[in-house]
Amino acid sequence: MIKWSRFGAWAGFLAVVLGAFGAHGLATMLKDSGRVETWETAVLYHIVHAPMLLVVARFAPSRARGLALSGFASGMIVFSGTLYLLCVTGKTWLGAVTPIGGVLLLVGWAATAFAVGAPRGD
């Protein structure tokens, strides 16, 4: 679980870096203020789910842990990643991929919900 905890920590670090970039550098790069709002949404979902990787890696029972971690990690990458790329590149078709990331995040949350109270079995 160390690799997942490390991934969660670096994901949180990256979320703060990308949030700062969005607040201080992105607006000057973009003329479309809607893309700045989209960036902020990406950062919000990114920063919320990075700590979940740490919590689930540490506390979730083993039988639910893998699905929850995979859901959160892949969902964060696909959801936030496509929004980041959409903002920087202007390629609007990426918005069609973003909901897949949302579904993956829901898988992470559902697996976490089912894991609550289950025997650890580690």
PDB file of N, CA and C in Angstrom:
ATOM      1  N   MET A   1       0.802  -1.196   0.000  1.00  0.00           N
ATOM      2  CA  MET A   1       0.000   0.000   0.000  1.00  0.00           C
ATOM      3  C   MET A   1       0.853   1.273   0.000  1.00  0.00           C
ATOM      4  N   ILE A   2       2.144   1.093   0.152  1.00  0.00           N
ATOM      5  CA  ILE A   2       3.027   2.266   0.140  1.00  0.00           C
ATOM      6  C   ILE A   2       2.968   2.963  -1.216  1.00  0.00           C
ATOM      7  N   LYS A   3       2.920   2.190  -2.309  1.00  0.00           N
ATOM      8  CA  LYS A   3       2.883   2.832  -3.627  1.00  0.00           C
ATOM      9  C   LYS A   3       1.610   3.647  -3.803  1.00  0.00           C
ATOM     10  N   TRP A   4       0.484   3.156  -3.280  1.00  0.00           N
ATOM     11  CA  TRP A   4      -0.766   3.911  -3.382  1.00  0.00           C
ATOM     12  C   TRP A   4      -0.723   5.158  -2.515  1.00  0.00           C
ATOM     13  N   SER A   5      -0.165   5.034  -1.337  1.00  0.00           N
ATOM     14  CA  SER A   5      -0.037   6.203  -0.459  1.00  0.00           C
ATOM     15  C   SER A   5       0.868   7.250  -1.094  1.00  0.00           C
ATOM     16  N   ARG A   6       1.947   6.802  -1.679  1.00  0.00           N
ATOM     17  CA  ARG A   6       2.862   7.721  -2.364  1.00  0.00           C
ATOM     18  C   ARG A   6       2.165   8.386  -3.555  1.00  0.00           C
ATOM     19  N   PHE A   7       1.418   7.596  -4.314  1.00  0.00           N
ATOM     20  CA  PHE A   7       0.668   8.133  -5.450  1.00  0.00           C
ATOM     21  C   PHE A   7      -0.323   9.194  -4.970  1.00  0.00           C
ATOM     22  N   GLY A   8      -1.032   8.911  -3.868  1.00  0.00           N
ATOM     23  CA  GLY A   8      -1.976   9.880  -3.315  1.00  0.00           C
ATOM     24  C   GLY A   8      -1.300  11.161  -2.877  1.00  0.00           C
ATOM     25  N   ALA A   9      -0.145  11.029  -2.240  1.00  0.00           N
ATOM     26  CA  ALA A   9       0.592  12.209  -1.786  1.00  0.00           C
ATOM     27  C   ALA A   9       1.054  13.052  -2.974  1.00  0.00           C
ATOM     28  N   TRP A  10       1.592  12.407  -4.002  1.00  0.00           N
ATOM     29  CA  TRP A  10       2.034  13.146  -5.181  1.00  0.00           C
ATOM     30  C   TRP A  10       0.858  13.729  -5.953  1.00  0.00           C
ATOM     31  N   ALA A  11      -0.270  13.026  -5.945  1.00  0.00           N
ATOM     32  CA  ALA A  11      -1.468  13.557  -6.596  1.00  0.00           C
ATOM     33  C   ALA A  11      -1.933  14.826  -5.883  1.00  0.00           C
ATOM     34  N   GLY A  12      -1.876  14.825  -4.556  1.00  0.00           N
ATOM     35  CA  GLY A  12      -2.224  16.036  -3.805  1.00  0.00           C
ATOM     36  C   GLY A  12      -1.261  17.169  -4.095  1.00  0.00           C
ATOM     37  N   PHE A  13       0.025  16.864  -4.141  1.00  0.00           N
ATOM     38  CA  PHE A  13       1.046  17.858  -4.477  1.00  0.00           C
ATOM     39  C   PHE A  13       0.753  18.473  -5.847  1.00  0.00           C
ATOM     40  N   LEU A  14       0.495  17.614  -6.821  1.00  0.00           N
ATOM     41  CA  LEU A  14       0.220  18.088  -8.175  1.00  0.00           C
ATOM     42  C   LEU A  14      -1.054  18.923  -8.228  1.00  0.00           C
ATOM     43  N   ALA A  15      -2.063  18.555  -7.451  1.00  0.00           N
ATOM     44  CA  ALA A  15      -3.302  19.332  -7.424  1.00  0.00           C
ATOM     45  C   ALA A  15      -3.046  20.747  -6.925  1.00  0.00           C
ATOM     46  N   VAL A  16      -2.207  20.885  -5.916  1.00  0.00           N
ATOM     47  CA  VAL A  16      -1.880  22.217  -5.401  1.00  0.00           C
ATOM     48  C   VAL A  16      -1.096  23.014  -6.448  1.00  0.00           C
ATOM     49  N   VAL A  17      -0.135  22.373  -7.096  1.00  0.00           N
ATOM     50  CA  VAL A  17       0.646  23.046  -8.143  1.00  0.00           C
ATOM     51  C   VAL A  17      -0.273  23.504  -9.275  1.00  0.00           C
ATOM     52  N   LEU A  18      -1.151  22.611  -9.737  1.00  0.00           N
ATOM     53  CA  LEU A  18      -2.044  22.961 -10.836  1.00  0.00           C
ATOM     54  C   LEU A  18      -3.078  23.998 -10.408  1.00  0.00           C
ATOM     55  N   GLY A  19      -3.500  23.952  -9.155  1.00  0.00           N
ATOM     56  CA  GLY A  19      -4.404  24.985  -8.640  1.00  0.00           C
ATOM     57  C   GLY A  19      -3.736  26.344  -8.620  1.00  0.00           C
ATOM     58  N   ALA A  20      -2.488  26.388  -8.190  1.00  0.00           N
ATOM     59  CA  ALA A  20      -1.741  27.650  -8.169  1.00  0.00           C
ATOM     60  C   ALA A  20      -1.527  28.169  -9.585  1.00  0.00           C
ATOM     61  N   PHE A  21      -1.201  27.262 -10.500  1.00  0.00           N
ATOM     62  CA  PHE A  21      -1.037  27.666 -11.891  1.00  0.00           C
ATOM     63  C   PHE A  21      -2.344  28.241 -12.435  1.00  0.00           C
ATOM     64  N   GLY A  22      -3.437  27.592 -12.110  1.00  0.00           N
ATOM     65  CA  GLY A  22      -4.735  28.079 -12.567  1.00  0.00           C
ATOM     66  C   GLY A  22      -5.067  29.450 -12.003  1.00  0.00           C
ATOM     67  N   ALA A  23      -4.686  29.682 -10.776  1.00  0.00           N
ATOM     68  CA  ALA A  23      -4.988  30.958 -10.127  1.00  0.00           C
ATOM     69  C   ALA A  23      -4.061  32.074 -10.580  1.00  0.00           C
ATOM     70  N   HIS A  24      -2.835  31.741 -10.938  1.00  0.00           N
ATOM     71  CA  HIS A  24      -1.858  32.795 -11.206  1.00  0.00           C
ATOM     72  C   HIS A  24      -1.357  32.872 -12.644  1.00  0.00           C
ATOM     73  N   GLY A  25      -1.431  31.797 -13.403  1.00  0.00           N
ATOM     74  CA  GLY A  25      -0.849  31.832 -14.737  1.00  0.00           C
ATOM     75  C   GLY A  25      -1.814  31.538 -15.867  1.00  0.00           C
ATOM     76  N   LEU A  26      -2.809  30.719 -15.600  1.00  0.00           N
ATOM     77  CA  LEU A  26      -3.699  30.261 -16.658  1.00  0.00           C
ATOM     78  C   LEU A  26      -4.537  31.392 -17.246  1.00  0.00           C
ATOM     79  N   ALA A  27      -5.043  32.249 -16.397  1.00  0.00           N
ATOM     80  CA  ALA A  27      -5.928  33.315 -16.873  1.00  0.00           C
ATOM     81  C   ALA A  27      -5.234  34.214 -17.882  1.00  0.00           C
ATOM     82  N   THR A  28      -3.940  34.428 -17.720  1.00  0.00           N
ATOM     83  CA  THR A  28      -3.215  35.271 -18.672  1.00  0.00           C
ATOM     84  C   THR A  28      -2.982  34.546 -19.993  1.00  0.00           C
ATOM     85  N   MET A  29      -2.958  33.200 -19.956  1.00  0.00           N
ATOM     86  CA  MET A  29      -2.769  32.408 -21.171  1.00  0.00           C
ATOM     87  C   MET A  29      -4.055  32.314 -21.994  1.00  0.00           C
ATOM     88  N   LEU A  30      -5.180  32.272 -21.287  1.00  0.00           N
ATOM     89  CA  LEU A  30      -6.451  32.012 -21.954  1.00  0.00           C
ATOM     90  C   LEU A  30      -7.281  33.283 -22.077  1.00  0.00           C
ATOM     91  N   LYS A  31      -7.984  33.369 -23.170  1.00  0.00           N
ATOM     92  CA  LYS A  31      -8.903  34.485 -23.341  1.00  0.00           C
ATOM     93  C   LYS A  31     -10.317  34.063 -22.952  1.00  0.00           C
ATOM     94  N   ASP A  32     -10.553  32.776 -22.872  1.00  0.00           N
ATOM     95  CA  ASP A  32     -11.876  32.232 -22.562  1.00  0.00           C
ATOM     96  C   ASP A  32     -11.990  31.977 -21.061  1.00  0.00           C
ATOM     97  N   SER A  33     -12.759  32.816 -20.364  1.00  0.00           N
ATOM     98  CA  SER A  33     -12.883  32.672 -18.910  1.00  0.00           C
ATOM     99  C   SER A  33     -13.601  31.384 -18.525  1.00  0.00           C
ATOM    100  N   GLY A  34     -14.395  30.831 -19.423  1.00  0.00           N
ATOM    101  CA  GLY A  34     -15.059  29.558 -19.143  1.00  0.00           C
ATOM    102  C   GLY A  34     -14.058  28.437 -18.944  1.00  0.00           C
ATOM    103  N   ARG A  35     -12.937  28.530 -19.605  1.00  0.00           N
ATOM    104  CA  ARG A  35     -11.915  27.507 -19.437  1.00  0.00           C
ATOM    105  C   ARG A  35     -11.250  27.608 -18.072  1.00  0.00           C
ATOM    106  N   VAL A  36     -11.159  28.804 -17.518  1.00  0.00           N
ATOM    107  CA  VAL A  36     -10.610  28.959 -16.165  1.00  0.00           C
ATOM    108  C   VAL A  36     -11.546  28.283 -15.167  1.00  0.00           C
ATOM    109  N   GLU A  37     -12.845  28.444 -15.342  1.00  0.00           N
ATOM    110  CA  GLU A  37     -13.816  27.775 -14.459  1.00  0.00           C
ATOM    111  C   GLU A  37     -13.716  26.256 -14.607  1.00  0.00           C
ATOM    112  N   THR A  38     -13.522  25.793 -15.814  1.00  0.00           N
ATOM    113  CA  THR A  38     -13.353  24.356 -16.046  1.00  0.00           C
ATOM    114  C   THR A  38     -12.101  23.861 -15.346  1.00  0.00           C
ATOM    115  N   TRP A  39     -11.022  24.638 -15.413  1.00  0.00           N
ATOM    116  CA  TRP A  39      -9.768  24.292 -14.723  1.00  0.00           C
ATOM    117  C   TRP A  39     -10.022  24.172 -13.225  1.00  0.00           C
ATOM    118  N   GLU A  40     -10.773  25.119 -12.673  1.00  0.00           N
ATOM    119  CA  GLU A  40     -11.068  25.102 -11.242  1.00  0.00           C
ATOM    120  C   GLU A  40     -11.854  23.846 -10.856  1.00  0.00           C
ATOM    121  N   THR A  41     -12.764  23.408 -11.719  1.00  0.00           N
ATOM    122  CA  THR A  41     -13.504  22.170 -11.466  1.00  0.00           C
ATOM    123  C   THR A  41     -12.545  20.979 -11.455  1.00  0.00           C
ATOM    124  N   ALA A  42     -11.635  20.954 -12.405  1.00  0.00           N
ATOM    125  CA  ALA A  42     -10.650  19.867 -12.464  1.00  0.00           C
ATOM    126  C   ALA A  42      -9.813  19.823 -11.190  1.00  0.00           C
ATOM    127  N   VAL A  43      -9.365  20.983 -10.736  1.00  0.00           N
ATOM    128  CA  VAL A  43      -8.548  21.049  -9.518  1.00  0.00           C
ATOM    129  C   VAL A  43      -9.362  20.609  -8.305  1.00  0.00           C
ATOM    130  N   LEU A  44     -10.612  21.026  -8.233  1.00  0.00           N
ATOM    131  CA  LEU A  44     -11.457  20.645  -7.092  1.00  0.00           C
ATOM    132  C   LEU A  44     -11.584  19.125  -6.986  1.00  0.00           C
ATOM    133  N   TYR A  45     -11.929  18.473  -8.083  1.00  0.00           N
ATOM    134  CA  TYR A  45     -12.081  17.018  -8.053  1.00  0.00           C
ATOM    135  C   TYR A  45     -10.741  16.327  -7.793  1.00  0.00           C
ATOM    136  N   HIS A  46      -9.687  16.894  -8.311  1.00  0.00           N
ATOM    137  CA  HIS A  46      -8.342  16.357  -8.106  1.00  0.00           C
ATOM    138  C   HIS A  46      -7.958  16.424  -6.624  1.00  0.00           C
ATOM    139  N   ILE A  47      -8.139  17.607  -6.017  1.00  0.00           N
ATOM    140  CA  ILE A  47      -7.711  17.801  -4.622  1.00  0.00           C
ATOM    141  C   ILE A  47      -8.594  17.023  -3.638  1.00  0.00           C
ATOM    142  N   VAL A  48      -9.837  16.786  -3.982  1.00  0.00           N
ATOM    143  CA  VAL A  48     -10.727  16.006  -3.106  1.00  0.00           C
ATOM    144  C   VAL A  48     -10.342  14.527  -3.128  1.00  0.00           C
ATOM    145  N   HIS A  49      -9.976  14.021  -4.292  1.00  0.00           N
ATOM    146  CA  HIS A  49      -9.745  12.585  -4.407  1.00  0.00           C
ATOM    147  C   HIS A  49      -8.316  12.147  -4.076  1.00  0.00           C
ATOM    148  N   ALA A  50      -7.372  13.052  -4.116  1.00  0.00           N
ATOM    149  CA  ALA A  50      -6.001  12.686  -3.731  1.00  0.00           C
ATOM    150  C   ALA A  50      -5.934  12.189  -2.284  1.00  0.00           C
ATOM    151  N   PRO A  51      -6.537  12.891  -1.314  1.00  0.00           N
ATOM    152  CA  PRO A  51      -6.502  12.371   0.056  1.00  0.00           C
ATOM    153  C   PRO A  51      -7.276  11.062   0.225  1.00  0.00           C
ATOM    154  N   MET A  52      -8.285  10.843  -0.616  1.00  0.00           N
ATOM    155  CA  MET A  52      -9.030   9.585  -0.522  1.00  0.00           C
ATOM    156  C   MET A  52      -8.117   8.401  -0.828  1.00  0.00           C
ATOM    157  N   LEU A  53      -7.163   8.596  -1.728  1.00  0.00           N
ATOM    158  CA  LEU A  53      -6.199   7.524  -1.991  1.00  0.00           C
ATOM    159  C   LEU A  53      -5.419   7.187  -0.728  1.00  0.00           C
ATOM    160  N   LEU A  54      -5.033   8.211   0.009  1.00  0.00           N
ATOM    161  CA  LEU A  54      -4.286   7.990   1.253  1.00  0.00           C
ATOM    162  C   LEU A  54      -5.150   7.271   2.295  1.00  0.00           C
ATOM    163  N   VAL A  55      -6.381   7.713   2.442  1.00  0.00           N
ATOM    164  CA  VAL A  55      -7.279   7.134   3.446  1.00  0.00           C
ATOM    165  C   VAL A  55      -7.604   5.686   3.104  1.00  0.00           C
ATOM    166  N   VAL A  56      -7.975   5.446   1.862  1.00  0.00           N
ATOM    167  CA  VAL A  56      -8.349   4.087   1.460  1.00  0.00           C
ATOM    168  C   VAL A  56      -7.143   3.152   1.539  1.00  0.00           C
ATOM    169  N   ALA A  57      -5.982   3.620   1.107  1.00  0.00           N
ATOM    170  CA  ALA A  57      -4.780   2.776   1.175  1.00  0.00           C
ATOM    171  C   ALA A  57      -4.484   2.358   2.607  1.00  0.00           C
ATOM    172  N   ARG A  58      -4.772   3.224   3.537  1.00  0.00           N
ATOM    173  CA  ARG A  58      -4.447   2.945   4.940  1.00  0.00           C
ATOM    174  C   ARG A  58      -5.527   2.165   5.681  1.00  0.00           C
ATOM    175  N   PHE A  59      -6.802   2.471   5.399  1.00  0.00           N
ATOM    176  CA  PHE A  59      -7.866   1.970   6.267  1.00  0.00           C
ATOM    177  C   PHE A  59      -8.859   0.999   5.640  1.00  0.00           C
ATOM    178  N   ALA A  60      -8.949   0.934   4.328  1.00  0.00           N
ATOM    179  CA  ALA A  60      -9.978   0.075   3.721  1.00  0.00           C
ATOM    180  C   ALA A  60      -9.606  -1.400   3.844  1.00  0.00           C
ATOM    181  N   PRO A  61     -10.621  -2.256   4.031  1.00  0.00           N
ATOM    182  CA  PRO A  61     -10.357  -3.698   4.028  1.00  0.00           C
ATOM    183  C   PRO A  61      -9.784  -4.130   2.685  1.00  0.00           C
ATOM    184  N   SER A  62      -8.967  -5.143   2.695  1.00  0.00           N
ATOM    185  CA  SER A  62      -8.233  -5.537   1.494  1.00  0.00           C
ATOM    186  C   SER A  62      -9.150  -5.915   0.341  1.00  0.00           C
ATOM    187  N   ARG A  63     -10.285  -6.529   0.610  1.00  0.00           N
ATOM    188  CA  ARG A  63     -11.123  -6.979  -0.511  1.00  0.00           C
ATOM    189  C   ARG A  63     -11.790  -5.832  -1.258  1.00  0.00           C
ATOM    190  N   ALA A  64     -11.944  -4.674  -0.641  1.00  0.00           N
ATOM    191  CA  ALA A  64     -12.540  -3.524  -1.330  1.00  0.00           C
ATOM    192  C   ALA A  64     -11.487  -2.502  -1.739  1.00  0.00           C
ATOM    193  N   ARG A  65     -10.329  -2.614  -1.169  1.00  0.00           N
ATOM    194  CA  ARG A  65      -9.290  -1.602  -1.352  1.00  0.00           C
ATOM    195  C   ARG A  65      -8.874  -1.441  -2.813  1.00  0.00           C
ATOM    196  N   GLY A  66      -8.596  -2.529  -3.487  1.00  0.00           N
ATOM    197  CA  GLY A  66      -8.109  -2.458  -4.863  1.00  0.00           C
ATOM    198  C   GLY A  66      -9.081  -1.746  -5.792  1.00  0.00           C
ATOM    199  N   LEU A  67     -10.353  -2.085  -5.690  1.00  0.00           N
ATOM    200  CA  LEU A  67     -11.358  -1.455  -6.546  1.00  0.00           C
ATOM    201  C   LEU A  67     -11.505   0.023  -6.214  1.00  0.00           C
ATOM    202  N   ALA A  68     -11.513   0.355  -4.934  1.00  0.00           N
ATOM    203  CA  ALA A  68     -11.645   1.753  -4.530  1.00  0.00           C
ATOM    204  C   ALA A  68     -10.440   2.568  -4.999  1.00  0.00           C
ATOM    205  N   LEU A  69      -9.246   2.057  -4.767  1.00  0.00           N
ATOM    206  CA  LEU A  69      -8.037   2.776  -5.182  1.00  0.00           C
ATOM    207  C   LEU A  69      -7.975   2.933  -6.695  1.00  0.00           C
ATOM    208  N   SER A  70      -8.285   1.880  -7.413  1.00  0.00           N
ATOM    209  CA  SER A  70      -8.279   1.956  -8.874  1.00  0.00           C
ATOM    210  C   SER A  70      -9.320   2.937  -9.390  1.00  0.00           C
ATOM    211  N   GLY A  71     -10.499   2.915  -8.779  1.00  0.00           N
ATOM    212  CA  GLY A  71     -11.555   3.843  -9.180  1.00  0.00           C
ATOM    213  C   GLY A  71     -11.161   5.287  -8.951  1.00  0.00           C
ATOM    214  N   PHE A  72     -10.639   5.572  -7.743  1.00  0.00           N
ATOM    215  CA  PHE A  72     -10.233   6.948  -7.436  1.00  0.00           C
ATOM    216  C   PHE A  72      -9.073   7.403  -8.322  1.00  0.00           C
ATOM    217  N   ALA A  73      -8.062   6.579  -8.458  1.00  0.00           N
ATOM    218  CA  ALA A  73      -6.881   6.983  -9.234  1.00  0.00           C
ATOM    219  C   ALA A  73      -7.219   7.173 -10.708  1.00  0.00           C
ATOM    220  N   SER A  74      -7.841   6.182 -11.303  1.00  0.00           N
ATOM    221  CA  SER A  74      -8.149   6.301 -12.734  1.00  0.00           C
ATOM    222  C   SER A  74      -9.201   7.373 -12.976  1.00  0.00           C
ATOM    223  N   GLY A  75     -10.175   7.489 -12.082  1.00  0.00           N
ATOM    224  CA  GLY A  75     -11.188   8.527 -12.225  1.00  0.00           C
ATOM    225  C   GLY A  75     -10.599   9.920 -12.131  1.00  0.00           C
ATOM    226  N   MET A  76      -9.698  10.109 -11.196  1.00  0.00           N
ATOM    227  CA  MET A  76      -9.041  11.402 -11.036  1.00  0.00           C
ATOM    228  C   MET A  76      -8.224  11.743 -12.283  1.00  0.00           C
ATOM    229  N   ILE A  77      -7.506  10.772 -12.795  1.00  0.00           N
ATOM    230  CA  ILE A  77      -6.688  11.001 -13.983  1.00  0.00           C
ATOM    231  C   ILE A  77      -7.566  11.315 -15.196  1.00  0.00           C
ATOM    232  N   VAL A  78      -8.606  10.522 -15.407  1.00  0.00           N
ATOM    233  CA  VAL A  78      -9.454  10.721 -16.585  1.00  0.00           C
ATOM    234  C   VAL A  78     -10.307  11.979 -16.427  1.00  0.00           C
ATOM    235  N   PHE A  79     -10.976  12.151 -15.283  1.00  0.00           N
ATOM    236  CA  PHE A  79     -11.860  13.305 -15.107  1.00  0.00           C
ATOM    237  C   PHE A  79     -11.064  14.607 -15.126  1.00  0.00           C
ATOM    238  N   SER A  80     -10.157  14.753 -14.178  1.00  0.00           N
ATOM    239  CA  SER A  80      -9.402  16.003 -14.095  1.00  0.00           C
ATOM    240  C   SER A  80      -8.452  16.150 -15.279  1.00  0.00           C
ATOM    241  N   GLY A  81      -7.830  15.062 -15.676  1.00  0.00           N
ATOM    242  CA  GLY A  81      -6.870  15.117 -16.779  1.00  0.00           C
ATOM    243  C   GLY A  81      -7.483  15.607 -18.078  1.00  0.00           C
ATOM    244  N   THR A  82      -8.675  15.099 -18.417  1.00  0.00           N
ATOM    245  CA  THR A  82      -9.302  15.558 -19.655  1.00  0.00           C
ATOM    246  C   THR A  82      -9.703  17.023 -19.555  1.00  0.00           C
ATOM    247  N   LEU A  83     -10.130  17.458 -18.371  1.00  0.00           N
ATOM    248  CA  LEU A  83     -10.474  18.873 -18.221  1.00  0.00           C
ATOM    249  C   LEU A  83      -9.239  19.760 -18.303  1.00  0.00           C
ATOM    250  N   TYR A  84      -8.144  19.343 -17.685  1.00  0.00           N
ATOM    251  CA  TYR A  84      -6.895  20.104 -17.804  1.00  0.00           C
ATOM    252  C   TYR A  84      -6.491  20.230 -19.275  1.00  0.00           C
ATOM    253  N   LEU A  85      -6.501  19.102 -19.975  1.00  0.00           N
ATOM    254  CA  LEU A  85      -6.104  19.113 -21.385  1.00  0.00           C
ATOM    255  C   LEU A  85      -7.054  19.952 -22.232  1.00  0.00           C
ATOM    256  N   LEU A  86      -8.350  19.864 -21.955  1.00  0.00           N
ATOM    257  CA  LEU A  86      -9.322  20.675 -22.679  1.00  0.00           C
ATOM    258  C   LEU A  86      -9.006  22.159 -22.519  1.00  0.00           C
ATOM    259  N   CYS A  87      -8.689  22.557 -21.305  1.00  0.00           N
ATOM    260  CA  CYS A  87      -8.394  23.967 -21.033  1.00  0.00           C
ATOM    261  C   CYS A  87      -7.149  24.440 -21.763  1.00  0.00           C
ATOM    262  N   VAL A  88      -6.114  23.629 -21.759  1.00  0.00           N
ATOM    263  CA  VAL A  88      -4.836  24.033 -22.341  1.00  0.00           C
ATOM    264  C   VAL A  88      -4.855  23.941 -23.866  1.00  0.00           C
ATOM    265  N   THR A  89      -5.509  22.906 -24.398  1.00  0.00           N
ATOM    266  CA  THR A  89      -5.475  22.687 -25.848  1.00  0.00           C
ATOM    267  C   THR A  89      -6.675  23.264 -26.584  1.00  0.00           C
ATOM    268  N   GLY A  90      -7.790  23.446 -25.871  1.00  0.00           N
ATOM    269  CA  GLY A  90      -9.013  23.911 -26.523  1.00  0.00           C
ATOM    270  C   GLY A  90      -9.748  22.824 -27.284  1.00  0.00           C
ATOM    271  N   LYS A  91      -9.294  21.589 -27.178  1.00  0.00           N
ATOM    272  CA  LYS A  91      -9.931  20.466 -27.876  1.00  0.00           C
ATOM    273  C   LYS A  91     -11.180  20.050 -27.108  1.00  0.00           C
ATOM    274  N   THR A  92     -12.323  20.520 -27.564  1.00  0.00           N
ATOM    275  CA  THR A  92     -13.577  20.326 -26.829  1.00  0.00           C
ATOM    276  C   THR A  92     -14.051  18.874 -26.821  1.00  0.00           C
ATOM    277  N   TRP A  93     -13.585  18.047 -27.759  1.00  0.00           N
ATOM    278  CA  TRP A  93     -14.003  16.645 -27.767  1.00  0.00           C
ATOM    279  C   TRP A  93     -13.579  15.929 -26.484  1.00  0.00           C
ATOM    280  N   LEU A  94     -12.570  16.463 -25.791  1.00  0.00           N
ATOM    281  CA  LEU A  94     -12.137  15.848 -24.531  1.00  0.00           C
ATOM    282  C   LEU A  94     -13.253  15.871 -23.487  1.00  0.00           C
ATOM    283  N   GLY A  95     -14.156  16.853 -23.598  1.00  0.00           N
ATOM    284  CA  GLY A  95     -15.284  16.927 -22.683  1.00  0.00           C
ATOM    285  C   GLY A  95     -16.190  15.707 -22.762  1.00  0.00           C
ATOM    286  N   ALA A  96     -16.182  15.029 -23.900  1.00  0.00           N
ATOM    287  CA  ALA A  96     -16.990  13.813 -24.041  1.00  0.00           C
ATOM    288  C   ALA A  96     -16.390  12.637 -23.273  1.00  0.00           C
ATOM    289  N   VAL A  97     -15.105  12.701 -22.978  1.00  0.00           N
ATOM    290  CA  VAL A  97     -14.422  11.624 -22.252  1.00  0.00           C
ATOM    291  C   VAL A  97     -14.530  11.838 -20.742  1.00  0.00           C
ATOM    292  N   THR A  98     -14.666  13.078 -20.323  1.00  0.00           N
ATOM    293  CA  THR A  98     -14.675  13.429 -18.901  1.00  0.00           C
ATOM    294  C   THR A  98     -15.678  12.626 -18.079  1.00  0.00           C
ATOM    295  N   PRO A  99     -16.929  12.407 -18.547  1.00  0.00           N
ATOM    296  CA  PRO A  99     -17.879  11.636 -17.725  1.00  0.00           C
ATOM    297  C   PRO A  99     -17.420  10.218 -17.395  1.00  0.00           C
ATOM    298  N   ILE A 100     -16.577   9.634 -18.233  1.00  0.00           N
ATOM    299  CA  ILE A 100     -16.036   8.304 -17.915  1.00  0.00           C
ATOM    300  C   ILE A 100     -15.239   8.395 -16.619  1.00  0.00           C
ATOM    301  N   GLY A 101     -14.466   9.461 -16.481  1.00  0.00           N
ATOM    302  CA  GLY A 101     -13.733   9.679 -15.234  1.00  0.00           C
ATOM    303  C   GLY A 101     -14.669   9.840 -14.050  1.00  0.00           C
ATOM    304  N   GLY A 102     -15.786  10.524 -14.273  1.00  0.00           N
ATOM    305  CA  GLY A 102     -16.777  10.673 -13.209  1.00  0.00           C
ATOM    306  C   GLY A 102     -17.348   9.337 -12.759  1.00  0.00           C
ATOM    307  N   VAL A 103     -17.614   8.467 -13.706  1.00  0.00           N
ATOM    308  CA  VAL A 103     -18.115   7.129 -13.372  1.00  0.00           C
ATOM    309  C   VAL A 103     -17.058   6.350 -12.591  1.00  0.00           C
ATOM    310  N   LEU A 104     -15.809   6.469 -12.980  1.00  0.00           N
ATOM    311  CA  LEU A 104     -14.736   5.786 -12.259  1.00  0.00           C
ATOM    312  C   LEU A 104     -14.610   6.315 -10.822  1.00  0.00           C
ATOM    313  N   LEU A 105     -14.787   7.615 -10.643  1.00  0.00           N
ATOM    314  CA  LEU A 105     -14.786   8.171  -9.284  1.00  0.00           C
ATOM    315  C   LEU A 105     -15.948   7.606  -8.470  1.00  0.00           C
ATOM    316  N   LEU A 106     -17.097   7.467  -9.101  1.00  0.00           N
ATOM    317  CA  LEU A 106     -18.255   6.865  -8.411  1.00  0.00           C
ATOM    318  C   LEU A 106     -17.968   5.417  -8.017  1.00  0.00           C
ATOM    319  N   VAL A 107     -17.256   4.692  -8.854  1.00  0.00           N
ATOM    320  CA  VAL A 107     -16.861   3.321  -8.512  1.00  0.00           C
ATOM    321  C   VAL A 107     -15.992   3.340  -7.253  1.00  0.00           C
ATOM    322  N   GLY A 108     -15.061   4.275  -7.189  1.00  0.00           N
ATOM    323  CA  GLY A 108     -14.220   4.398  -5.999  1.00  0.00           C
ATOM    324  C   GLY A 108     -15.031   4.673  -4.745  1.00  0.00           C
ATOM    325  N   TRP A 109     -15.983   5.594  -4.863  1.00  0.00           N
ATOM    326  CA  TRP A 109     -16.821   5.913  -3.699  1.00  0.00           C
ATOM    327  C   TRP A 109     -17.711   4.734  -3.309  1.00  0.00           C
ATOM    328  N   ALA A 110     -18.292   4.052  -4.293  1.00  0.00           N
ATOM    329  CA  ALA A 110     -19.150   2.905  -3.986  1.00  0.00           C
ATOM    330  C   ALA A 110     -18.352   1.791  -3.323  1.00  0.00           C
ATOM    331  N   ALA A 111     -17.177   1.506  -3.834  1.00  0.00           N
ATOM    332  CA  ALA A 111     -16.330   0.467  -3.229  1.00  0.00           C
ATOM    333  C   ALA A 111     -15.949   0.853  -1.810  1.00  0.00           C
ATOM    334  N   THR A 112     -15.700   2.142  -1.589  1.00  0.00           N
ATOM    335  CA  THR A 112     -15.387   2.617  -0.237  1.00  0.00           C
ATOM    336  C   THR A 112     -16.593   2.451   0.677  1.00  0.00           C
ATOM    337  N   ALA A 113     -17.779   2.785   0.167  1.00  0.00           N
ATOM    338  CA  ALA A 113     -18.997   2.653   0.970  1.00  0.00           C
ATOM    339  C   ALA A 113     -19.255   1.201   1.365  1.00  0.00           C
ATOM    340  N   PHE A 114     -19.062   0.288   0.435  1.00  0.00           N
ATOM    341  CA  PHE A 114     -19.269  -1.122   0.746  1.00  0.00           C
ATOM    342  C   PHE A 114     -18.200  -1.647   1.704  1.00  0.00           C
ATOM    343  N   ALA A 115     -17.046  -1.011   1.702  1.00  0.00           N
ATOM    344  CA  ALA A 115     -15.949  -1.470   2.561  1.00  0.00           C
ATOM    345  C   ALA A 115     -16.124  -1.038   4.017  1.00  0.00           C
ATOM    346  N   VAL A 116     -16.888   0.021   4.246  1.00  0.00           N
ATOM    347  CA  VAL A 116     -17.030   0.530   5.604  1.00  0.00           C
ATOM    348  C   VAL A 116     -17.640  -0.530   6.501  1.00  0.00           C
ATOM    349  N   GLY A 117     -16.943  -0.839   7.555  1.00  0.00           N
ATOM    350  CA  GLY A 117     -17.434  -1.817   8.519  1.00  0.00           C
ATOM    351  C   GLY A 117     -17.135  -3.263   8.165  1.00  0.00           C
ATOM    352  N   ALA A 118     -16.603  -3.509   6.975  1.00  0.00           N
ATOM    353  CA  ALA A 118     -16.264  -4.881   6.598  1.00  0.00           C
ATOM    354  C   ALA A 118     -15.008  -5.306   7.346  1.00  0.00           C
ATOM    355  N   PRO A 119     -14.869  -6.603   7.626  1.00  0.00           N
ATOM    356  CA  PRO A 119     -13.646  -7.051   8.293  1.00  0.00           C
ATOM    357  C   PRO A 119     -12.428  -6.770   7.439  1.00  0.00           C
ATOM    358  N   ARG A 120     -11.339  -6.367   8.075  1.00  0.00           N
ATOM    359  CA  ARG A 120     -10.128  -5.989   7.325  1.00  0.00           C
ATOM    360  C   ARG A 120      -9.534  -7.170   6.569  1.00  0.00           C
ATOM    361  N   GLY A 121      -9.381  -8.286   7.137  1.00  0.00           N
ATOM    362  CA  GLY A 121      -8.857  -9.453   6.442  1.00  0.00           C
ATOM    363  C   GLY A 121      -7.456  -9.313   5.897  1.00  0.00           C
ATOM    364  N   ASP A 122      -6.686  -8.395   6.458  1.00  0.00           N
ATOM    365  CA  ASP A 122      -5.314  -8.185   5.971  1.00  0.00           C
ATOM    366  C   ASP A 122      -4.377  -9.271   6.443  1.00  0.00           C
TER     367      ASP A 122
END
